[in-house]
Amino acid sequence: MLKKHLVKAALGAALLISTALSAHADALSKIKEAGVIKVGTETAFAPFDFIDAGEHVGLNVDFFAELGKDLGVKVEWVALPWDGVFPALEAGKFDFVAGPATITKARLERFKMTAPIAEATVAILKKAGDKTITKPEDIAGKAVGAGKATAQLAQLQEYSATLPKKVDAREYVSFNDAYADLAAGRIVAVANSLPNIAFVAKQRNGAFEVVTPAFGKKAYFGFIGKKDADSATLVEYVNAEVLKMKKDGRLGKMQEKWFGTTFDTPDEVNDPAF
């Protein structure tokens, strides 16, 4: 009888230890155990994340599909407006943010970010044939759209302060709404990253034109993870995947597919331009 009780006690202790270890397992271990990585994003940021003919596509989708294969897990996407993505990450609604987001000093203080996946320098998109805007400074005093809570909006506002007349910066939850207002003439331009607006100009069959040169500081896009200790191994894994795909050519093929060009990006950004 005593032996039976001892066996039960040992099994109970083992179960408690197993449960405790599982509860304190790091994020990467939990993902492997669950067989799923949950990735948060918005789906209105072409060509990184967008809906085409009802299908979620873009560079981010291709990248995380490859990561899922390498890690041996499924990818579950969680879509929501951009201004809600970071709070949802911190609340544990998903494991990582695809986004992607511009790597900035403020974001590095709050989050861990991966090596760059593309350039993020800001430029202006205008309606084709608009001769009132031939260079970036021509947006002075005019209505220009940008994404709410984005680094592009911050750069637009910073650039506006250098102009003779302040830009009327309009904030949009979705860049698609900004492009719609541009087409309708409710704003005269949209400020977004050069890769994004180059893609939009190409897709809109000559309706829009990119204003060169880009006016923003040299910047880069990266994926975003949490900064807590439990997330460290996951961030390290995703970062290693970026560098691995950069080295083996998969990332370059994705850039060529979605941007029509490749970018010479650094392996890390420790001191962003802004």
Protein backbone atom coordinates (compact mmCIF):
# COMPACT_ATOMS: atom_id res chain seq x y z
CA MET A 1 0.00 0.00 0.00
CA LEU A 2 2.81 2.39 0.95
CA LYS A 3 4.56 1.67 -2.35
CA LYS A 4 1.33 2.44 -4.22
CA HIS A 5 1.00 5.80 -2.47
CA LEU A 6 4.64 6.62 -3.17
CA VAL A 7 4.16 5.88 -6.87
CA LYS A 8 1.06 8.11 -6.99
CA ALA A 9 2.92 10.87 -5.17
CA ALA A 10 5.85 10.63 -7.59
CA LEU A 11 3.54 10.76 -10.60
CA GLY A 12 1.74 13.74 -9.14
CA ALA A 13 5.02 15.54 -8.50
CA ALA A 14 6.18 14.79 -12.05
CA LEU A 15 2.93 16.18 -13.43
CA LEU A 16 3.29 19.36 -11.39
CA ILE A 17 6.88 19.80 -12.53
CA SER A 18 5.89 19.19 -16.17
CA THR A 19 3.04 21.70 -15.89
CA ALA A 20 5.31 24.28 -14.28
CA LEU A 21 7.97 23.85 -16.94
CA SER A 22 5.36 24.14 -19.69
CA ALA A 23 3.93 27.29 -18.11
CA HIS A 24 7.40 28.85 -18.02
CA ALA A 25 8.57 27.61 -21.42
CA ASP A 26 9.89 30.32 -23.70
CA ALA A 27 7.89 31.58 -26.67
CA LEU A 28 9.78 29.53 -29.26
CA SER A 29 9.30 26.29 -27.31
CA LYS A 30 5.57 26.98 -26.96
CA ILE A 31 5.27 27.58 -30.70
CA LYS A 32 7.03 24.31 -31.49
CA GLU A 33 4.82 22.46 -29.02
CA ALA A 34 1.63 24.01 -30.41
CA GLY A 35 2.75 23.57 -34.03
CA VAL A 36 1.58 27.10 -34.87
CA ILE A 37 3.13 30.56 -34.96
CA LYS A 38 0.63 33.43 -34.77
CA VAL A 39 1.67 36.49 -36.75
CA GLY A 40 -0.02 39.88 -36.49
CA THR A 41 -0.26 42.38 -39.33
CA GLU A 42 -2.54 44.71 -41.24
CA THR A 43 -3.57 43.71 -44.74
CA ALA A 44 -3.54 47.13 -46.40
CA PHE A 45 0.20 47.69 -46.86
CA ALA A 46 1.01 46.47 -50.36
CA PRO A 47 3.27 44.89 -51.40
CA PHE A 48 4.15 43.56 -47.94
CA ASP A 49 0.65 42.55 -46.82
CA PHE A 50 -2.54 43.01 -48.83
CA ILE A 51 -5.65 41.29 -50.14
CA ASP A 52 -5.66 40.45 -53.83
CA ALA A 53 -8.77 38.79 -55.27
CA GLY A 54 -9.72 37.73 -51.77
CA GLU A 55 -6.32 36.19 -51.01
CA HIS A 56 -3.80 37.41 -48.44
CA VAL A 57 -0.53 37.92 -50.33
CA GLY A 58 2.71 39.89 -50.17
CA LEU A 59 6.36 39.65 -49.22
CA ASN A 60 5.52 39.06 -45.55
CA VAL A 61 3.26 36.15 -46.46
CA ASP A 62 6.02 34.57 -48.55
CA PHE A 63 8.64 35.11 -45.85
CA PHE A 64 6.64 33.60 -42.99
CA ALA A 65 5.57 30.69 -45.21
CA GLU A 66 9.27 29.88 -45.62
CA LEU A 67 9.90 30.41 -41.91
CA GLY A 68 7.02 28.07 -41.06
CA LYS A 69 8.54 25.36 -43.28
CA ASP A 70 11.97 25.78 -41.69
CA LEU A 71 10.51 25.71 -38.17
CA GLY A 72 8.05 22.93 -38.96
CA VAL A 73 4.92 24.82 -37.87
CA LYS A 74 1.83 26.34 -39.46
CA VAL A 75 1.45 30.11 -39.78
CA GLU A 76 -1.75 31.66 -38.43
CA TRP A 77 -2.36 35.27 -39.48
CA VAL A 78 -4.11 37.81 -37.25
CA ALA A 79 -5.14 40.95 -39.16
CA LEU A 80 -6.10 44.27 -37.53
CA PRO A 81 -5.61 48.02 -38.12
CA TRP A 82 -1.99 49.12 -37.82
CA ASP A 83 -2.50 51.36 -34.79
CA GLY A 84 -3.72 48.31 -32.86
CA VAL A 85 -0.91 45.93 -33.88
CA PHE A 86 1.72 46.84 -31.27
CA PRO A 87 -0.70 46.91 -28.31
CA ALA A 88 -2.03 43.51 -29.40
CA LEU A 89 1.51 42.09 -29.54
CA GLU A 90 2.18 43.30 -26.01
CA ALA A 91 -1.14 41.82 -24.89
CA GLY A 92 -0.08 38.41 -26.24
CA LYS A 93 -2.66 38.19 -29.05
CA PHE A 94 0.03 36.78 -31.34
CA ASP A 95 3.72 35.82 -31.28
CA PHE A 96 5.30 38.21 -33.78
CA VAL A 97 4.50 41.19 -35.99
CA ALA A 98 5.06 40.95 -39.72
CA GLY A 99 4.04 44.53 -40.51
CA PRO A 100 6.77 45.32 -41.30
CA ALA A 101 7.75 48.44 -39.34
CA THR A 102 10.42 51.03 -39.90
CA ILE A 103 13.32 50.46 -37.49
CA THR A 104 13.44 53.56 -35.28
CA LYS A 105 15.10 54.51 -31.99
CA ALA A 106 11.74 54.64 -30.21
CA ARG A 107 10.73 51.18 -31.43
CA LEU A 108 14.06 49.65 -30.44
CA GLU A 109 13.50 50.93 -26.91
CA ARG A 110 10.11 49.23 -26.78
CA PHE A 111 10.58 46.11 -28.95
CA LYS A 112 13.14 43.77 -30.47
CA MET A 113 13.41 44.10 -34.25
CA THR A 114 14.97 41.83 -36.82
CA ALA A 115 17.58 42.56 -39.43
CA PRO A 116 16.17 44.66 -42.30
CA ILE A 117 14.07 42.97 -44.97
CA ALA A 118 13.86 46.04 -47.25
CA GLU A 119 14.56 49.74 -47.49
CA ALA A 120 11.99 52.09 -45.92
CA THR A 121 13.05 55.56 -47.09
CA VAL A 122 10.03 57.84 -47.54
CA ALA A 123 8.91 59.41 -50.82
CA ILE A 124 5.85 61.12 -52.31
CA LEU A 125 3.16 59.68 -54.57
CA LYS A 126 1.05 62.09 -56.65
CA LYS A 127 -1.62 61.89 -59.35
CA ALA A 128 -0.16 61.39 -62.79
CA GLY A 129 0.12 64.65 -64.69
CA ASP A 130 0.01 66.90 -61.59
CA LYS A 131 2.53 69.58 -62.58
CA THR A 132 2.19 71.46 -59.26
CA ILE A 133 4.33 68.81 -57.55
CA THR A 134 7.60 68.09 -59.33
CA LYS A 135 9.86 67.83 -56.27
CA PRO A 136 9.27 66.94 -52.60
CA GLU A 137 9.25 70.53 -51.31
CA ASP A 138 6.26 71.32 -53.54
CA ILE A 139 3.98 69.69 -50.93
CA ALA A 140 4.44 72.73 -48.65
CA GLY A 141 1.03 73.96 -47.46
CA LYS A 142 -0.82 71.12 -49.20
CA ALA A 143 -2.90 68.17 -48.00
CA VAL A 144 -0.81 65.01 -47.90
CA GLY A 145 -1.93 61.61 -46.62
CA ALA A 146 0.07 59.20 -44.46
CA GLY A 147 -0.62 56.16 -42.30
CA LYS A 148 -1.75 56.70 -38.73
CA ALA A 149 0.89 55.77 -36.12
CA THR A 150 3.53 55.11 -38.82
CA ALA A 151 7.15 56.19 -39.12
CA GLN A 152 6.21 57.62 -42.53
CA LEU A 153 3.81 60.05 -40.85
CA ALA A 154 6.51 61.03 -38.35
CA GLN A 155 8.98 61.70 -41.16
CA LEU A 156 6.39 63.70 -43.10
CA GLN A 157 5.77 65.87 -40.04
CA GLU A 158 9.51 66.31 -39.48
CA TYR A 159 10.03 67.24 -43.14
CA SER A 160 7.08 69.63 -42.98
CA ALA A 161 8.86 71.63 -40.27
CA THR A 162 11.67 72.43 -42.75
CA LEU A 163 9.31 73.86 -45.40
CA PRO A 164 8.17 77.48 -45.79
CA LYS A 165 4.58 76.44 -45.09
CA LYS A 166 3.45 73.51 -42.92
CA VAL A 167 2.05 70.46 -44.70
CA ASP A 168 -1.58 69.58 -43.97
CA ALA A 169 -0.81 66.00 -42.90
CA ARG A 170 -3.91 63.77 -43.06
CA GLU A 171 -3.80 60.54 -41.04
CA TYR A 172 -5.31 57.35 -42.47
CA VAL A 173 -5.93 54.03 -40.76
CA SER A 174 -5.46 52.36 -44.16
CA PHE A 175 -3.13 53.50 -46.92
CA ASN A 176 -5.73 52.22 -49.39
CA ASP A 177 -8.05 54.99 -48.16
CA ALA A 178 -5.27 57.51 -48.68
CA TYR A 179 -4.75 56.31 -52.26
CA ALA A 180 -8.51 56.53 -52.87
CA ASP A 181 -8.54 60.13 -51.62
CA LEU A 182 -5.55 60.91 -53.83
CA ALA A 183 -7.34 59.52 -56.86
CA ALA A 184 -10.45 61.55 -55.96
CA GLY A 185 -8.47 64.76 -55.51
CA ARG A 186 -9.21 65.14 -51.79
CA ILE A 187 -5.46 65.20 -51.11
CA VAL A 188 -2.61 66.02 -53.47
CA ALA A 189 -0.10 63.39 -52.41
CA VAL A 190 0.61 60.39 -50.16
CA ALA A 191 3.81 59.96 -48.15
CA ASN A 192 4.88 56.35 -47.82
CA SER A 193 8.02 54.23 -48.15
CA LEU A 194 9.58 54.17 -51.60
CA PRO A 195 9.00 50.40 -52.09
CA ASN A 196 5.30 50.78 -51.27
CA ILE A 197 4.53 53.70 -53.54
CA ALA A 198 6.64 52.31 -56.40
CA PHE A 199 4.50 49.16 -56.21
CA VAL A 200 1.25 51.17 -56.08
CA ALA A 201 2.27 53.36 -59.02
CA LYS A 202 3.04 50.24 -61.03
CA GLN A 203 -0.23 48.53 -60.12
CA ARG A 204 -2.51 51.51 -60.78
CA ASN A 205 -1.88 51.57 -64.54
CA GLY A 206 -0.41 55.06 -64.81
CA ALA A 207 -2.86 56.78 -62.45
CA PHE A 208 -0.08 57.78 -60.03
CA GLU A 209 3.54 58.90 -60.23
CA VAL A 210 6.42 58.76 -57.76
CA VAL A 211 8.05 62.10 -56.96
CA THR A 212 11.82 61.79 -56.77
CA PRO A 213 14.13 62.09 -54.96
CA ALA A 214 12.91 60.49 -51.74
CA PHE A 215 12.83 63.07 -48.93
CA GLY A 216 13.08 60.82 -45.88
CA LYS A 217 16.19 59.75 -44.03
CA LYS A 218 17.71 56.39 -44.99
CA ALA A 219 15.65 53.81 -43.14
CA TYR A 220 14.83 50.11 -43.14
CA PHE A 221 11.91 47.76 -42.50
CA GLY A 222 12.14 44.92 -39.98
CA PHE A 223 9.83 42.45 -38.25
CA ILE A 224 8.90 43.02 -34.60
CA GLY A 225 8.94 40.87 -31.49
CA LYS A 226 8.56 41.45 -27.78
CA LYS A 227 11.51 42.47 -25.62
CA ASP A 228 10.81 40.21 -22.63
CA ALA A 229 13.07 37.31 -21.67
CA ASP A 230 10.58 34.63 -22.79
CA SER A 231 10.58 36.05 -26.33
CA ALA A 232 14.37 36.24 -26.71
CA THR A 233 14.82 32.84 -28.39
CA LEU A 234 11.92 33.51 -30.78
CA VAL A 235 13.34 36.89 -31.83
CA GLU A 236 16.76 35.29 -32.30
CA TYR A 237 15.21 32.57 -34.47
CA VAL A 238 13.26 34.97 -36.72
CA ASN A 239 16.30 37.24 -37.04
CA ALA A 240 18.45 34.26 -37.99
CA GLU A 241 15.84 33.32 -40.62
CA VAL A 242 16.06 36.82 -42.16
CA LEU A 243 19.84 36.54 -42.41
CA LYS A 244 19.63 32.94 -43.65
CA MET A 245 17.18 33.84 -46.44
CA LYS A 246 19.28 36.88 -47.30
CA LYS A 247 22.37 34.68 -47.65
CA ASP A 248 20.74 31.83 -49.60
CA GLY A 249 18.97 34.23 -51.98
CA ARG A 250 15.36 33.58 -50.96
CA LEU A 251 14.88 37.11 -49.58
CA GLY A 252 16.33 38.65 -52.73
CA LYS A 253 13.90 36.63 -54.86
CA MET A 254 11.00 37.87 -52.73
CA GLN A 255 12.16 41.48 -53.12
CA GLU A 256 12.48 41.06 -56.87
CA LYS A 257 9.03 39.48 -57.03
CA TRP A 258 7.24 42.21 -55.05
CA PHE A 259 9.32 45.34 -55.71
CA GLY A 260 10.88 44.61 -59.09
CA THR A 261 14.29 45.24 -57.50
CA THR A 262 16.51 44.14 -54.61
CA PHE A 263 17.88 46.18 -51.72
CA ASP A 264 21.36 46.33 -50.23
CA THR A 265 20.48 46.21 -46.54
CA PRO A 266 22.74 45.92 -43.48
CA ASP A 267 22.66 42.81 -41.30
CA GLU A 268 21.69 44.90 -38.28
CA VAL A 269 20.59 48.42 -37.41
CA ASN A 270 21.68 49.50 -33.94
CA ASP A 271 21.58 53.27 -34.46
CA PRO A 272 18.63 54.23 -36.70
CA ALA A 273 18.60 57.61 -38.44
CA PHE A 274 15.56 58.73 -36.44
